[in-house]
PDB file of N, CA and C in Angstrom:
ATOM      1  N   MET A   1     -20.850 -17.840 -23.798  1.00  0.00           N
ATOM      2  CA  MET A   1     -21.458 -17.697 -22.480  1.00  0.00           C
ATOM      3  C   MET A   1     -21.186 -18.937 -21.619  1.00  0.00           C
ATOM      4  N   THR A   2     -21.173 -20.090 -22.235  1.00  0.00           N
ATOM      5  CA  THR A   2     -20.923 -21.311 -21.491  1.00  0.00           C
ATOM      6  C   THR A   2     -19.538 -21.295 -20.870  1.00  0.00           C
ATOM      7  N   TYR A   3     -18.567 -20.706 -21.572  1.00  0.00           N
ATOM      8  CA  TYR A   3     -17.200 -20.633 -21.051  1.00  0.00           C
ATOM      9  C   TYR A   3     -17.160 -19.817 -19.754  1.00  0.00           C
ATOM     10  N   LEU A   4     -17.957 -18.750 -19.682  1.00  0.00           N
ATOM     11  CA  LEU A   4     -17.981 -17.923 -18.481  1.00  0.00           C
ATOM     12  C   LEU A   4     -18.555 -18.664 -17.281  1.00  0.00           C
ATOM     13  N   LEU A   5     -19.439 -19.609 -17.533  1.00  0.00           N
ATOM     14  CA  LEU A   5     -20.069 -20.350 -16.452  1.00  0.00           C
ATOM     15  C   LEU A   5     -19.292 -21.603 -16.072  1.00  0.00           C
ATOM     16  N   ALA A   6     -18.269 -21.940 -16.839  1.00  0.00           N
ATOM     17  CA  ALA A   6     -17.471 -23.132 -16.556  1.00  0.00           C
ATOM     18  C   ALA A   6     -16.566 -22.889 -15.353  1.00  0.00           C
ATOM     19  N   HIS A   7     -16.032 -23.953 -14.802  1.00  0.00           N
ATOM     20  CA  HIS A   7     -15.154 -23.862 -13.641  1.00  0.00           C
ATOM     21  C   HIS A   7     -13.909 -23.050 -13.982  1.00  0.00           C
ATOM     22  N   GLN A   8     -13.603 -22.062 -13.150  1.00  0.00           N
ATOM     23  CA  GLN A   8     -12.500 -21.136 -13.427  1.00  0.00           C
ATOM     24  C   GLN A   8     -11.321 -21.344 -12.474  1.00  0.00           C
ATOM     25  N   GLY A   9     -11.227 -22.458 -11.833  1.00  0.00           N
ATOM     26  CA  GLY A   9     -10.092 -22.728 -10.966  1.00  0.00           C
ATOM     27  C   GLY A   9     -10.309 -22.321  -9.519  1.00  0.00           C
ATOM     28  N   GLY A  10     -11.485 -21.940  -9.160  1.00  0.00           N
ATOM     29  CA  GLY A  10     -11.783 -21.646  -7.766  1.00  0.00           C
ATOM     30  C   GLY A  10     -12.007 -20.183  -7.447  1.00  0.00           C
ATOM     31  N   TRP A  11     -11.430 -19.267  -8.222  1.00  0.00           N
ATOM     32  CA  TRP A  11     -11.560 -17.850  -7.880  1.00  0.00           C
ATOM     33  C   TRP A  11     -12.995 -17.367  -8.030  1.00  0.00           C
ATOM     34  N   ASP A  12     -13.754 -17.943  -8.952  1.00  0.00           N
ATOM     35  CA  ASP A  12     -15.137 -17.514  -9.130  1.00  0.00           C
ATOM     36  C   ASP A  12     -16.007 -17.942  -7.948  1.00  0.00           C
ATOM     37  N   GLU A  13     -15.725 -19.098  -7.374  1.00  0.00           N
ATOM     38  CA  GLU A  13     -16.473 -19.525  -6.192  1.00  0.00           C
ATOM     39  C   GLU A  13     -16.145 -18.628  -4.993  1.00  0.00           C
ATOM     40  N   ILE A  14     -14.898 -18.199  -4.916  1.00  0.00           N
ATOM     41  CA  ILE A  14     -14.510 -17.295  -3.833  1.00  0.00           C
ATOM     42  C   ILE A  14     -15.291 -15.984  -3.950  1.00  0.00           C
ATOM     43  N   LEU A  15     -15.448 -15.477  -5.167  1.00  0.00           N
ATOM     44  CA  LEU A  15     -16.205 -14.236  -5.364  1.00  0.00           C
ATOM     45  C   LEU A  15     -17.666 -14.396  -4.944  1.00  0.00           C
ATOM     46  N   LEU A  16     -18.219 -15.591  -5.152  1.00  0.00           N
ATOM     47  CA  LEU A  16     -19.606 -15.819  -4.765  1.00  0.00           C
ATOM     48  C   LEU A  16     -19.782 -15.778  -3.250  1.00  0.00           C
ATOM     49  N   VAL A  17     -18.730 -16.035  -2.507  1.00  0.00           N
ATOM     50  CA  VAL A  17     -18.795 -15.990  -1.049  1.00  0.00           C
ATOM     51  C   VAL A  17     -18.384 -14.611  -0.538  1.00  0.00           C
ATOM     52  N   VAL A  18     -17.273 -14.096  -1.054  1.00  0.00           N
ATOM     53  CA  VAL A  18     -16.724 -12.836  -0.549  1.00  0.00           C
ATOM     54  C   VAL A  18     -17.573 -11.643  -0.961  1.00  0.00           C
ATOM     55  N   GLY A  19     -18.140 -11.683  -2.145  1.00  0.00           N
ATOM     56  CA  GLY A  19     -18.951 -10.558  -2.635  1.00  0.00           C
ATOM     57  C   GLY A  19     -20.091 -10.192  -1.691  1.00  0.00           C
ATOM     58  N   PRO A  20     -20.966 -11.128  -1.374  1.00  0.00           N
ATOM     59  CA  PRO A  20     -22.061 -10.799  -0.456  1.00  0.00           C
ATOM     60  C   PRO A  20     -21.580 -10.393   0.943  1.00  0.00           C
ATOM     61  N   ILE A  21     -20.479 -10.985   1.404  1.00  0.00           N
ATOM     62  CA  ILE A  21     -19.950 -10.605   2.715  1.00  0.00           C
ATOM     63  C   ILE A  21     -19.517  -9.143   2.688  1.00  0.00           C
ATOM     64  N   LEU A  22     -18.852  -8.726   1.620  1.00  0.00           N
ATOM     65  CA  LEU A  22     -18.423  -7.328   1.508  1.00  0.00           C
ATOM     66  C   LEU A  22     -19.614  -6.380   1.419  1.00  0.00           C
ATOM     67  N   VAL A  23     -20.647  -6.776   0.696  1.00  0.00           N
ATOM     68  CA  VAL A  23     -21.845  -5.938   0.585  1.00  0.00           C
ATOM     69  C   VAL A  23     -22.509  -5.784   1.951  1.00  0.00           C
ATOM     70  N   LEU A  24     -22.675  -6.891   2.665  1.00  0.00           N
ATOM     71  CA  LEU A  24     -23.303  -6.815   3.984  1.00  0.00           C
ATOM     72  C   LEU A  24     -22.447  -6.019   4.964  1.00  0.00           C
ATOM     73  N   GLY A  25     -21.130  -6.179   4.887  1.00  0.00           N
ATOM     74  CA  GLY A  25     -20.245  -5.394   5.744  1.00  0.00           C
ATOM     75  C   GLY A  25     -20.361  -3.913   5.460  1.00  0.00           C
ATOM     76  N   GLY A  26     -20.438  -3.547   4.200  1.00  0.00           N
ATOM     77  CA  GLY A  26     -20.605  -2.141   3.833  1.00  0.00           C
ATOM     78  C   GLY A  26     -21.926  -1.574   4.322  1.00  0.00           C
ATOM     79  N   LEU A  27     -22.985  -2.352   4.190  1.00  0.00           N
ATOM     80  CA  LEU A  27     -24.293  -1.902   4.683  1.00  0.00           C
ATOM     81  C   LEU A  27     -24.296  -1.754   6.204  1.00  0.00           C
ATOM     82  N   LEU A  28     -23.618  -2.657   6.897  1.00  0.00           N
ATOM     83  CA  LEU A  28     -23.530  -2.569   8.348  1.00  0.00           C
ATOM     84  C   LEU A  28     -22.759  -1.323   8.766  1.00  0.00           C
ATOM     85  N   ARG A  29     -21.671  -1.042   8.080  1.00  0.00           N
ATOM     86  CA  ARG A  29     -20.886   0.161   8.388  1.00  0.00           C
ATOM     87  C   ARG A  29     -21.721   1.420   8.170  1.00  0.00           C
ATOM     88  N   LEU A  30     -22.478   1.460   7.067  1.00  0.00           N
ATOM     89  CA  LEU A  30     -23.334   2.604   6.779  1.00  0.00           C
ATOM     90  C   LEU A  30     -24.401   2.767   7.864  1.00  0.00           C
ATOM     91  N   ALA A  31     -25.006   1.671   8.280  1.00  0.00           N
ATOM     92  CA  ALA A  31     -26.032   1.729   9.319  1.00  0.00           C
ATOM     93  C   ALA A  31     -25.445   2.205  10.640  1.00  0.00           C
ATOM     94  N   ASN A  32     -24.239   1.768  10.967  1.00  0.00           N
ATOM     95  CA  ASN A  32     -23.601   2.213  12.207  1.00  0.00           C
ATOM     96  C   ASN A  32     -23.292   3.703  12.171  1.00  0.00           C
ATOM     97  N   LYS A  33     -22.839   4.203  11.030  1.00  0.00           N
ATOM     98  CA  LYS A  33     -22.569   5.641  10.903  1.00  0.00           C
ATOM     99  C   LYS A  33     -23.846   6.448  11.101  1.00  0.00           C
ATOM    100  N   ARG A  34     -24.923   5.978  10.494  1.00  0.00           N
ATOM    101  CA  ARG A  34     -26.203   6.690  10.631  1.00  0.00           C
ATOM    102  C   ARG A  34     -26.691   6.640  12.073  1.00  0.00           C
ATOM    103  N   ALA A  35     -26.550   5.512  12.722  1.00  0.00           N
ATOM    104  CA  ALA A  35     -26.990   5.382  14.110  1.00  0.00           C
ATOM    105  C   ALA A  35     -26.160   6.282  15.022  1.00  0.00           C
ATOM    106  N   ASP A  36     -24.853   6.351  14.804  1.00  0.00           N
ATOM    107  CA  ASP A  36     -23.999   7.235  15.595  1.00  0.00           C
ATOM    108  C   ASP A  36     -24.400   8.689  15.410  1.00  0.00           C
ATOM    109  N   LYS A  37     -24.711   9.064  14.172  1.00  0.00           N
ATOM    110  CA  LYS A  37     -25.121  10.446  13.900  1.00  0.00           C
ATOM    111  C   LYS A  37     -26.437  10.764  14.611  1.00  0.00           C
ATOM    112  N   LEU A  38     -27.384   9.823  14.574  1.00  0.00           N
ATOM    113  CA  LEU A  38     -28.662  10.053  15.259  1.00  0.00           C
ATOM    114  C   LEU A  38     -28.468  10.152  16.769  1.00  0.00           C
ATOM    115  N   ASN A  39     -27.575   9.334  17.334  1.00  0.00           N
ATOM    116  CA  ASN A  39     -27.301   9.404  18.764  1.00  0.00           C
ATOM    117  C   ASN A  39     -26.671  10.731  19.150  1.00  0.00           C
ATOM    118  N   GLU A  40     -25.756  11.223  18.326  1.00  0.00           N
ATOM    119  CA  GLU A  40     -25.128  12.512  18.603  1.00  0.00           C
ATOM    120  C   GLU A  40     -26.153  13.638  18.553  1.00  0.00           C
ATOM    121  N   GLU A  41     -27.058  13.585  17.571  1.00  0.00           N
ATOM    122  CA  GLU A  41     -28.106  14.607  17.471  1.00  0.00           C
ATOM    123  C   GLU A  41     -29.048  14.539  18.660  1.00  0.00           C
ATOM    124  N   ALA A  42     -29.393  13.331  19.096  1.00  0.00           N
ATOM    125  CA  ALA A  42     -30.279  13.180  20.247  1.00  0.00           C
ATOM    126  C   ALA A  42     -29.593  13.691  21.514  1.00  0.00           C
ATOM    127  N   ASP A  43     -28.307  13.409  21.681  1.00  0.00           N
ATOM    128  CA  ASP A  43     -27.567  13.901  22.842  1.00  0.00           C
ATOM    129  C   ASP A  43     -27.488  15.423  22.835  1.00  0.00           C
ATOM    130  N   ALA A  44     -27.322  16.014  21.666  1.00  0.00           N
ATOM    131  CA  ALA A  44     -27.247  17.466  21.572  1.00  0.00           C
ATOM    132  C   ALA A  44     -28.586  18.093  21.960  1.00  0.00           C
ATOM    133  N   LYS A  45     -29.695  17.464  21.608  1.00  0.00           N
ATOM    134  CA  LYS A  45     -31.022  17.997  21.959  1.00  0.00           C
ATOM    135  C   LYS A  45     -31.255  17.890  23.468  1.00  0.00           C
ATOM    136  N   VAL A  46     -30.788  16.816  24.076  1.00  0.00           N
ATOM    137  CA  VAL A  46     -30.989  16.614  25.514  1.00  0.00           C
ATOM    138  C   VAL A  46     -30.178  17.632  26.311  1.00  0.00           C
ATOM    139  N   ARG A  47     -29.006  17.984  25.828  1.00  0.00           N
ATOM    140  CA  ARG A  47     -28.129  18.910  26.539  1.00  0.00           C
ATOM    141  C   ARG A  47     -28.631  20.339  26.515  1.00  0.00           C
ATOM    142  N   ARG A  48     -29.529  20.673  25.609  1.00  0.00           N
ATOM    143  CA  ARG A  48     -30.030  22.052  25.495  1.00  0.00           C
ATOM    144  C   ARG A  48     -30.851  22.452  26.666  1.00  0.00           C
TER     145      ARG A  48
END
């Protein structure tokens, strides 16, 4: 286990930064899709 926590040449530190950025980006994309869908539904109700 200690070997896994040892310095791995930099790629592990990159994952610690890029991983959360990718997760937050994915959540933002999902939220935008949901918001667009709600706006389209609201526009459809107004047009009736």
